[in-house]
Amino acid sequence: MQIKDLKPGMKSVDIKVKIVKKVIEKKIKTGRLAEFEVEDETGKITLVAYDDKIDELELGQEYELKNAFVNIFKGKKQLNIGRFGKVIKV
């Protein structure tokens, strides 16, 4: 799958992306949340990661994300890697 193919509501998404930059990291009631800008050859999207997943992601590195999901937040499409997702360094 590629970024251009992502649609809101998709679940169990497996996708390969490169981390371009870390946009924000903050504490939330249930732990930590961070937003990253990620890309592939078809486009860019915001990746939202939680807790331990944040520590697995490095700028400039490519990853295979397994079991991610897509939603809309403040009118923008986002890719999310939650507690059931996997992050694999490529």
PDB file of N, CA and C in Angstrom:
ATOM      1  N   MET A   1       0.846  -1.184   0.000  1.00  0.00           N
ATOM      2  CA  MET A   1       0.000   0.000   0.000  1.00  0.00           C
ATOM      3  C   MET A   1       0.887   1.241   0.000  1.00  0.00           C
ATOM      4  N   GLN A   2       0.368   2.336  -0.555  1.00  0.00           N
ATOM      5  CA  GLN A   2       1.090   3.606  -0.611  1.00  0.00           C
ATOM      6  C   GLN A   2       0.237   4.720  -0.005  1.00  0.00           C
ATOM      7  N   ILE A   3       0.878   5.846   0.321  1.00  0.00           N
ATOM      8  CA  ILE A   3       0.171   6.963   0.941  1.00  0.00           C
ATOM      9  C   ILE A   3      -0.999   7.432   0.081  1.00  0.00           C
ATOM     10  N   LYS A   4      -0.843   7.482  -1.221  1.00  0.00           N
ATOM     11  CA  LYS A   4      -1.918   7.948  -2.113  1.00  0.00           C
ATOM     12  C   LYS A   4      -3.167   7.070  -2.021  1.00  0.00           C
ATOM     13  N   ASP A   5      -3.014   5.818  -1.562  1.00  0.00           N
ATOM     14  CA  ASP A   5      -4.137   4.877  -1.473  1.00  0.00           C
ATOM     15  C   ASP A   5      -4.887   4.948  -0.147  1.00  0.00           C
ATOM     16  N   LEU A   6      -4.375   5.704   0.827  1.00  0.00           N
ATOM     17  CA  LEU A   6      -4.980   5.736   2.164  1.00  0.00           C
ATOM     18  C   LEU A   6      -6.280   6.531   2.178  1.00  0.00           C
ATOM     19  N   LYS A   7      -7.291   5.944   2.820  1.00  0.00           N
ATOM     20  CA  LYS A   7      -8.593   6.592   2.949  1.00  0.00           C
ATOM     21  C   LYS A   7      -9.036   6.529   4.407  1.00  0.00           C
ATOM     22  N   PRO A   8      -9.720   7.574   4.891  1.00  0.00           N
ATOM     23  CA  PRO A   8     -10.207   7.572   6.277  1.00  0.00           C
ATOM     24  C   PRO A   8     -11.043   6.330   6.568  1.00  0.00           C
ATOM     25  N   GLY A   9     -10.839   5.762   7.755  1.00  0.00           N
ATOM     26  CA  GLY A   9     -11.589   4.584   8.164  1.00  0.00           C
ATOM     27  C   GLY A   9     -10.870   3.274   7.871  1.00  0.00           C
ATOM     28  N   MET A  10      -9.771   3.330   7.117  1.00  0.00           N
ATOM     29  CA  MET A  10      -9.031   2.103   6.823  1.00  0.00           C
ATOM     30  C   MET A  10      -8.377   1.575   8.092  1.00  0.00           C
ATOM     31  N   LYS A  11      -8.397   0.245   8.250  1.00  0.00           N
ATOM     32  CA  LYS A  11      -7.778  -0.419   9.393  1.00  0.00           C
ATOM     33  C   LYS A  11      -6.838  -1.497   8.868  1.00  0.00           C
ATOM     34  N   SER A  12      -6.002  -2.012   9.731  1.00  0.00           N
ATOM     35  CA  SER A  12      -5.053  -3.075   9.372  1.00  0.00           C
ATOM     36  C   SER A  12      -4.206  -2.687   8.164  1.00  0.00           C
ATOM     37  N   VAL A  13      -3.721  -1.462   8.170  1.00  0.00           N
ATOM     38  CA  VAL A  13      -2.916  -0.942   7.067  1.00  0.00           C
ATOM     39  C   VAL A  13      -1.450  -1.333   7.270  1.00  0.00           C
ATOM     40  N   ASP A  14      -0.850  -1.905   6.228  1.00  0.00           N
ATOM     41  CA  ASP A  14       0.584  -2.190   6.203  1.00  0.00           C
ATOM     42  C   ASP A  14       1.191  -1.279   5.151  1.00  0.00           C
ATOM     43  N   ILE A  15       2.188  -0.471   5.538  1.00  0.00           N
ATOM     44  CA  ILE A  15       2.731   0.534   4.633  1.00  0.00           C
ATOM     45  C   ILE A  15       4.192   0.815   4.983  1.00  0.00           C
ATOM     46  N   LYS A  16       4.980   1.125   3.960  1.00  0.00           N
ATOM     47  CA  LYS A  16       6.388   1.490   4.149  1.00  0.00           C
ATOM     48  C   LYS A  16       6.504   3.005   3.990  1.00  0.00           C
ATOM     49  N   VAL A  17       7.098   3.674   5.002  1.00  0.00           N
ATOM     50  CA  VAL A  17       7.238   5.132   4.982  1.00  0.00           C
ATOM     51  C   VAL A  17       8.608   5.534   5.505  1.00  0.00           C
ATOM     52  N   LYS A  18       8.995   6.768   5.204  1.00  0.00           N
ATOM     53  CA  LYS A  18      10.229   7.363   5.717  1.00  0.00           C
ATOM     54  C   LYS A  18       9.841   8.517   6.630  1.00  0.00           C
ATOM     55  N   ILE A  19      10.496   8.598   7.795  1.00  0.00           N
ATOM     56  CA  ILE A  19      10.247   9.685   8.744  1.00  0.00           C
ATOM     57  C   ILE A  19      10.976  10.940   8.256  1.00  0.00           C
ATOM     58  N   VAL A  20      10.238  12.008   7.981  1.00  0.00           N
ATOM     59  CA  VAL A  20      10.818  13.252   7.482  1.00  0.00           C
ATOM     60  C   VAL A  20      11.117  14.218   8.629  1.00  0.00           C
ATOM     61  N   LYS A  21      10.133  14.399   9.532  1.00  0.00           N
ATOM     62  CA  LYS A  21      10.376  15.264  10.689  1.00  0.00           C
ATOM     63  C   LYS A  21       9.378  14.960  11.797  1.00  0.00           C
ATOM     64  N   LYS A  22       9.794  15.320  13.019  1.00  0.00           N
ATOM     65  CA  LYS A  22       8.916  15.204  14.185  1.00  0.00           C
ATOM     66  C   LYS A  22       8.252  16.558  14.345  1.00  0.00           C
ATOM     67  N   VAL A  23       6.944  16.576  14.301  1.00  0.00           N
ATOM     68  CA  VAL A  23       6.192  17.829  14.354  1.00  0.00           C
ATOM     69  C   VAL A  23       5.955  18.263  15.798  1.00  0.00           C
ATOM     70  N   ILE A  24       5.495  17.335  16.632  1.00  0.00           N
ATOM     71  CA  ILE A  24       5.164  17.675  18.022  1.00  0.00           C
ATOM     72  C   ILE A  24       5.172  16.406  18.868  1.00  0.00           C
ATOM     73  N   GLU A  25       5.495  16.557  20.137  1.00  0.00           N
ATOM     74  CA  GLU A  25       5.326  15.484  21.109  1.00  0.00           C
ATOM     75  C   GLU A  25       4.726  16.103  22.354  1.00  0.00           C
ATOM     76  N   LYS A  26       3.720  15.439  22.907  1.00  0.00           N
ATOM     77  CA  LYS A  26       3.072  15.984  24.103  1.00  0.00           C
ATOM     78  C   LYS A  26       2.543  14.871  24.988  1.00  0.00           C
ATOM     79  N   LYS A  27       2.319  15.229  26.251  1.00  0.00           N
ATOM     80  CA  LYS A  27       1.705  14.299  27.192  1.00  0.00           C
ATOM     81  C   LYS A  27       0.196  14.412  27.063  1.00  0.00           C
ATOM     82  N   ILE A  28      -0.457  13.267  27.107  1.00  0.00           N
ATOM     83  CA  ILE A  28      -1.917  13.217  27.128  1.00  0.00           C
ATOM     84  C   ILE A  28      -2.321  12.401  28.352  1.00  0.00           C
ATOM     85  N   LYS A  29      -3.614  12.348  28.661  1.00  0.00           N
ATOM     86  CA  LYS A  29      -4.065  11.652  29.868  1.00  0.00           C
ATOM     87  C   LYS A  29      -3.608  10.201  29.940  1.00  0.00           C
ATOM     88  N   THR A  30      -3.550   9.544  28.779  1.00  0.00           N
ATOM     89  CA  THR A  30      -3.216   8.118  28.760  1.00  0.00           C
ATOM     90  C   THR A  30      -1.750   7.832  28.471  1.00  0.00           C
ATOM     91  N   GLY A  31      -0.914   8.867  28.346  1.00  0.00           N
ATOM     92  CA  GLY A  31       0.507   8.639  28.079  1.00  0.00           C
ATOM     93  C   GLY A  31       1.121   9.754  27.252  1.00  0.00           C
ATOM     94  N   ARG A  32       1.783   9.379  26.154  1.00  0.00           N
ATOM     95  CA  ARG A  32       2.418  10.350  25.258  1.00  0.00           C
ATOM     96  C   ARG A  32       1.893  10.183  23.839  1.00  0.00           C
ATOM     97  N   LEU A  33       1.921  11.270  23.095  1.00  0.00           N
ATOM     98  CA  LEU A  33       1.502  11.290  21.702  1.00  0.00           C
ATOM     99  C   LEU A  33       2.524  12.123  20.926  1.00  0.00           C
ATOM    100  N   ALA A  34       2.880  11.667  19.729  1.00  0.00           N
ATOM    101  CA  ALA A  34       3.772  12.444  18.868  1.00  0.00           C
ATOM    102  C   ALA A  34       3.255  12.396  17.441  1.00  0.00           C
ATOM    103  N   GLU A  35       3.461  13.494  16.731  1.00  0.00           N
ATOM    104  CA  GLU A  35       3.111  13.562  15.315  1.00  0.00           C
ATOM    105  C   GLU A  35       4.397  13.680  14.516  1.00  0.00           C
ATOM    106  N   PHE A  36       4.479  12.883  13.461  1.00  0.00           N
ATOM    107  CA  PHE A  36       5.618  12.901  12.554  1.00  0.00           C
ATOM    108  C   PHE A  36       5.108  13.160  11.145  1.00  0.00           C
ATOM    109  N   GLU A  37       5.919  13.811  10.328  1.00  0.00           N
ATOM    110  CA  GLU A  37       5.622  13.900   8.900  1.00  0.00           C
ATOM    111  C   GLU A  37       6.361  12.732   8.254  1.00  0.00           C
ATOM    112  N   VAL A  38       5.610  11.905   7.512  1.00  0.00           N
ATOM    113  CA  VAL A  38       6.206  10.759   6.825  1.00  0.00           C
ATOM    114  C   VAL A  38       5.885  10.843   5.342  1.00  0.00           C
ATOM    115  N   GLU A  39       6.703  10.143   4.538  1.00  0.00           N
ATOM    116  CA  GLU A  39       6.490  10.185   3.097  1.00  0.00           C
ATOM    117  C   GLU A  39       6.853   8.854   2.450  1.00  0.00           C
ATOM    118  N   ASP A  40       6.314   8.677   1.248  1.00  0.00           N
ATOM    119  CA  ASP A  40       6.774   7.649   0.328  1.00  0.00           C
ATOM    120  C   ASP A  40       6.822   8.310  -1.049  1.00  0.00           C
ATOM    121  N   GLU A  41       7.007   7.537  -2.090  1.00  0.00           N
ATOM    122  CA  GLU A  41       7.138   8.145  -3.424  1.00  0.00           C
ATOM    123  C   GLU A  41       5.841   8.750  -3.948  1.00  0.00           C
ATOM    124  N   THR A  42       4.714   8.502  -3.253  1.00  0.00           N
ATOM    125  CA  THR A  42       3.418   9.012  -3.733  1.00  0.00           C
ATOM    126  C   THR A  42       2.891  10.207  -2.948  1.00  0.00           C
ATOM    127  N   GLY A  43       3.538  10.586  -1.822  1.00  0.00           N
ATOM    128  CA  GLY A  43       3.052  11.731  -1.065  1.00  0.00           C
ATOM    129  C   GLY A  43       3.515  11.741   0.375  1.00  0.00           C
ATOM    130  N   LYS A  44       2.912  12.639   1.147  1.00  0.00           N
ATOM    131  CA  LYS A  44       3.221  12.812   2.573  1.00  0.00           C
ATOM    132  C   LYS A  44       1.936  12.722   3.385  1.00  0.00           C
ATOM    133  N   ILE A  45       2.090  12.349   4.647  1.00  0.00           N
ATOM    134  CA  ILE A  45       0.949  12.287   5.564  1.00  0.00           C
ATOM    135  C   ILE A  45       1.493  12.437   6.993  1.00  0.00           C
ATOM    136  N   THR A  46       0.632  12.847   7.908  1.00  0.00           N
ATOM    137  CA  THR A  46       0.987  12.906   9.324  1.00  0.00           C
ATOM    138  C   THR A  46       0.826  11.518   9.920  1.00  0.00           C
ATOM    139  N   LEU A  47       1.859  11.071  10.626  1.00  0.00           N
ATOM    140  CA  LEU A  47       1.812   9.819  11.367  1.00  0.00           C
ATOM    141  C   LEU A  47       1.682  10.161  12.841  1.00  0.00           C
ATOM    142  N   VAL A  48       0.698   9.583  13.505  1.00  0.00           N
ATOM    143  CA  VAL A  48       0.506   9.770  14.946  1.00  0.00           C
ATOM    144  C   VAL A  48       0.945   8.479  15.639  1.00  0.00           C
ATOM    145  N   ALA A  49       1.871   8.620  16.583  1.00  0.00           N
ATOM    146  CA  ALA A  49       2.376   7.472  17.332  1.00  0.00           C
ATOM    147  C   ALA A  49       2.159   7.717  18.822  1.00  0.00           C
ATOM    148  N   TYR A  50       2.048   6.633  19.572  1.00  0.00           N
ATOM    149  CA  TYR A  50       1.766   6.720  21.000  1.00  0.00           C
ATOM    150  C   TYR A  50       2.823   5.989  21.814  1.00  0.00           C
ATOM    151  N   ASP A  51       3.123   6.522  22.971  1.00  0.00           N
ATOM    152  CA  ASP A  51       3.940   5.893  24.004  1.00  0.00           C
ATOM    153  C   ASP A  51       5.230   5.274  23.460  1.00  0.00           C
ATOM    154  N   ASP A  52       5.437   3.962  23.664  1.00  0.00           N
ATOM    155  CA  ASP A  52       6.681   3.301  23.283  1.00  0.00           C
ATOM    156  C   ASP A  52       6.960   3.360  21.782  1.00  0.00           C
ATOM    157  N   LYS A  53       5.924   3.458  20.975  1.00  0.00           N
ATOM    158  CA  LYS A  53       6.115   3.530  19.515  1.00  0.00           C
ATOM    159  C   LYS A  53       6.913   4.787  19.133  1.00  0.00           C
ATOM    160  N   ILE A  54       6.749   5.855  19.902  1.00  0.00           N
ATOM    161  CA  ILE A  54       7.467   7.115  19.638  1.00  0.00           C
ATOM    162  C   ILE A  54       8.977   6.866  19.695  1.00  0.00           C
ATOM    163  N   ASP A  55       9.408   6.111  20.687  1.00  0.00           N
ATOM    164  CA  ASP A  55      10.829   5.862  20.896  1.00  0.00           C
ATOM    165  C   ASP A  55      11.439   4.972  19.813  1.00  0.00           C
ATOM    166  N   GLU A  56      10.610   4.244  19.090  1.00  0.00           N
ATOM    167  CA  GLU A  56      11.096   3.353  18.029  1.00  0.00           C
ATOM    168  C   GLU A  56      11.370   4.099  16.721  1.00  0.00           C
ATOM    169  N   LEU A  57      10.888   5.331  16.592  1.00  0.00           N
ATOM    170  CA  LEU A  57      10.976   6.061  15.326  1.00  0.00           C
ATOM    171  C   LEU A  57      12.127   7.057  15.319  1.00  0.00           C
ATOM    172  N   GLU A  58      12.948   7.009  14.258  1.00  0.00           N
ATOM    173  CA  GLU A  58      14.096   7.902  14.103  1.00  0.00           C
ATOM    174  C   GLU A  58      13.949   8.700  12.818  1.00  0.00           C
ATOM    175  N   LEU A  59      14.340   9.976  12.877  1.00  0.00           N
ATOM    176  CA  LEU A  59      14.287  10.828  11.690  1.00  0.00           C
ATOM    177  C   LEU A  59      15.187  10.270  10.592  1.00  0.00           C
ATOM    178  N   GLY A  60      14.686  10.329   9.349  1.00  0.00           N
ATOM    179  CA  GLY A  60      15.449   9.883   8.192  1.00  0.00           C
ATOM    180  C   GLY A  60      15.411   8.389   7.943  1.00  0.00           C
ATOM    181  N   GLN A  61      14.834   7.637   8.855  1.00  0.00           N
ATOM    182  CA  GLN A  61      14.791   6.174   8.745  1.00  0.00           C
ATOM    183  C   GLN A  61      13.516   5.725   8.040  1.00  0.00           C
ATOM    184  N   GLU A  62      13.600   4.591   7.320  1.00  0.00           N
ATOM    185  CA  GLU A  62      12.419   3.983   6.700  1.00  0.00           C
ATOM    186  C   GLU A  62      11.897   2.867   7.595  1.00  0.00           C
ATOM    187  N   TYR A  63      10.570   2.754   7.626  1.00  0.00           N
ATOM    188  CA  TYR A  63       9.908   1.743   8.449  1.00  0.00           C
ATOM    189  C   TYR A  63       8.783   1.074   7.684  1.00  0.00           C
ATOM    190  N   GLU A  64       8.545  -0.160   8.037  1.00  0.00           N
ATOM    191  CA  GLU A  64       7.351  -0.880   7.612  1.00  0.00           C
ATOM    192  C   GLU A  64       6.410  -0.802   8.803  1.00  0.00           C
ATOM    193  N   LEU A  65       5.257  -0.177   8.619  1.00  0.00           N
ATOM    194  CA  LEU A  65       4.251  -0.085   9.676  1.00  0.00           C
ATOM    195  C   LEU A  65       3.218  -1.169   9.431  1.00  0.00           C
ATOM    196  N   LYS A  66       2.918  -1.945  10.445  1.00  0.00           N
ATOM    197  CA  LYS A  66       1.946  -3.033  10.342  1.00  0.00           C
ATOM    198  C   LYS A  66       0.763  -2.742  11.257  1.00  0.00           C
ATOM    199  N   ASN A  67      -0.423  -3.000  10.753  1.00  0.00           N
ATOM    200  CA  ASN A  67      -1.658  -2.846  11.524  1.00  0.00           C
ATOM    201  C   ASN A  67      -1.904  -1.394  11.947  1.00  0.00           C
ATOM    202  N   ALA A  68      -1.573  -0.459  11.074  1.00  0.00           N
ATOM    203  CA  ALA A  68      -1.868   0.957  11.316  1.00  0.00           C
ATOM    204  C   ALA A  68      -3.322   1.228  10.917  1.00  0.00           C
ATOM    205  N   PHE A  69      -3.809   2.439  11.212  1.00  0.00           N
ATOM    206  CA  PHE A  69      -5.161   2.812  10.792  1.00  0.00           C
ATOM    207  C   PHE A  69      -5.167   4.279  10.375  1.00  0.00           C
ATOM    208  N   VAL A  70      -6.201   4.649   9.621  1.00  0.00           N
ATOM    209  CA  VAL A  70      -6.301   5.997   9.061  1.00  0.00           C
ATOM    210  C   VAL A  70      -7.562   6.666   9.599  1.00  0.00           C
ATOM    211  N   ASN A  71      -7.426   7.931  10.026  1.00  0.00           N
ATOM    212  CA  ASN A  71      -8.592   8.697  10.461  1.00  0.00           C
ATOM    213  C   ASN A  71      -8.458  10.137   9.993  1.00  0.00           C
ATOM    214  N   ILE A  72      -9.449  10.932  10.342  1.00  0.00           N
ATOM    215  CA  ILE A  72      -9.438  12.371  10.042  1.00  0.00           C
ATOM    216  C   ILE A  72      -9.412  13.103  11.373  1.00  0.00           C
ATOM    217  N   PHE A  73      -8.509  14.078  11.506  1.00  0.00           N
ATOM    218  CA  PHE A  73      -8.447  14.915  12.700  1.00  0.00           C
ATOM    219  C   PHE A  73      -8.312  16.352  12.239  1.00  0.00           C
ATOM    220  N   LYS A  74      -9.226  17.195  12.684  1.00  0.00           N
ATOM    221  CA  LYS A  74      -9.259  18.608  12.280  1.00  0.00           C
ATOM    222  C   LYS A  74      -9.202  18.757  10.754  1.00  0.00           C
ATOM    223  N   GLY A  75      -9.943  17.888  10.093  1.00  0.00           N
ATOM    224  CA  GLY A  75     -10.075  17.971   8.642  1.00  0.00           C
ATOM    225  C   GLY A  75      -8.913  17.412   7.842  1.00  0.00           C
ATOM    226  N   LYS A  76      -7.910  16.843   8.532  1.00  0.00           N
ATOM    227  CA  LYS A  76      -6.743  16.293   7.835  1.00  0.00           C
ATOM    228  C   LYS A  76      -6.644  14.785   8.046  1.00  0.00           C
ATOM    229  N   LYS A  77      -6.294  14.089   6.983  1.00  0.00           N
ATOM    230  CA  LYS A  77      -6.103  12.649   7.045  1.00  0.00           C
ATOM    231  C   LYS A  77      -4.829  12.345   7.831  1.00  0.00           C
ATOM    232  N   GLN A  78      -4.905  11.348   8.727  1.00  0.00           N
ATOM    233  CA  GLN A  78      -3.749  10.955   9.537  1.00  0.00           C
ATOM    234  C   GLN A  78      -3.590   9.445   9.533  1.00  0.00           C
ATOM    235  N   LEU A  79      -2.353   9.016   9.546  1.00  0.00           N
ATOM    236  CA  LEU A  79      -2.004   7.613   9.716  1.00  0.00           C
ATOM    237  C   LEU A  79      -1.647   7.431  11.182  1.00  0.00           C
ATOM    238  N   ASN A  80      -2.169   6.389  11.817  1.00  0.00           N
ATOM    239  CA  ASN A  80      -1.944   6.163  13.247  1.00  0.00           C
ATOM    240  C   ASN A  80      -1.332   4.787  13.476  1.00  0.00           C
ATOM    241  N   ILE A  81      -0.365   4.729  14.387  1.00  0.00           N
ATOM    242  CA  ILE A  81       0.189   3.451  14.803  1.00  0.00           C
ATOM    243  C   ILE A  81      -0.060   3.336  16.306  1.00  0.00           C
ATOM    244  N   GLY A  82      -1.010   2.517  16.670  1.00  0.00           N
ATOM    245  CA  GLY A  82      -1.436   2.377  18.056  1.00  0.00           C
ATOM    246  C   GLY A  82      -0.789   1.189  18.748  1.00  0.00           C
ATOM    247  N   ARG A  83      -1.342   0.796  19.865  1.00  0.00           N
ATOM    248  CA  ARG A  83      -0.725  -0.265  20.670  1.00  0.00           C
ATOM    249  C   ARG A  83      -0.742  -1.626  19.985  1.00  0.00           C
ATOM    250  N   PHE A  84      -1.633  -1.834  19.024  1.00  0.00           N
ATOM    251  CA  PHE A  84      -1.688  -3.115  18.322  1.00  0.00           C
ATOM    252  C   PHE A  84      -0.871  -3.100  17.033  1.00  0.00           C
ATOM    253  N   GLY A  85      -0.260  -1.961  16.739  1.00  0.00           N
ATOM    254  CA  GLY A  85       0.564  -1.836  15.533  1.00  0.00           C
ATOM    255  C   GLY A  85       2.004  -2.234  15.790  1.00  0.00           C
ATOM    256  N   LYS A  86       2.713  -2.498  14.688  1.00  0.00           N
ATOM    257  CA  LYS A  86       4.129  -2.849  14.773  1.00  0.00           C
ATOM    258  C   LYS A  86       4.932  -1.883  13.930  1.00  0.00           C
ATOM    259  N   VAL A  87       6.133  -1.574  14.417  1.00  0.00           N
ATOM    260  CA  VAL A  87       7.076  -0.716  13.708  1.00  0.00           C
ATOM    261  C   VAL A  87       8.318  -1.563  13.416  1.00  0.00           C
ATOM    262  N   ILE A  88       8.624  -1.734  12.126  1.00  0.00           N
ATOM    263  CA  ILE A  88       9.773  -2.537  11.729  1.00  0.00           C
ATOM    264  C   ILE A  88      10.735  -1.663  10.938  1.00  0.00           C
ATOM    265  N   LYS A  89      11.972  -1.543  11.420  1.00  0.00           N
ATOM    266  CA  LYS A  89      12.996  -0.753  10.729  1.00  0.00           C
ATOM    267  C   LYS A  89      13.380  -1.483   9.445  1.00  0.00           C
ATOM    268  N   VAL A  90      13.423  -0.727   8.327  1.00  0.00           N
ATOM    269  CA  VAL A  90      13.750  -1.349   7.032  1.00  0.00           C
ATOM    270  C   VAL A  90      15.233  -1.162   6.764  1.00  0.00           C
TER     271      VAL A  90
END
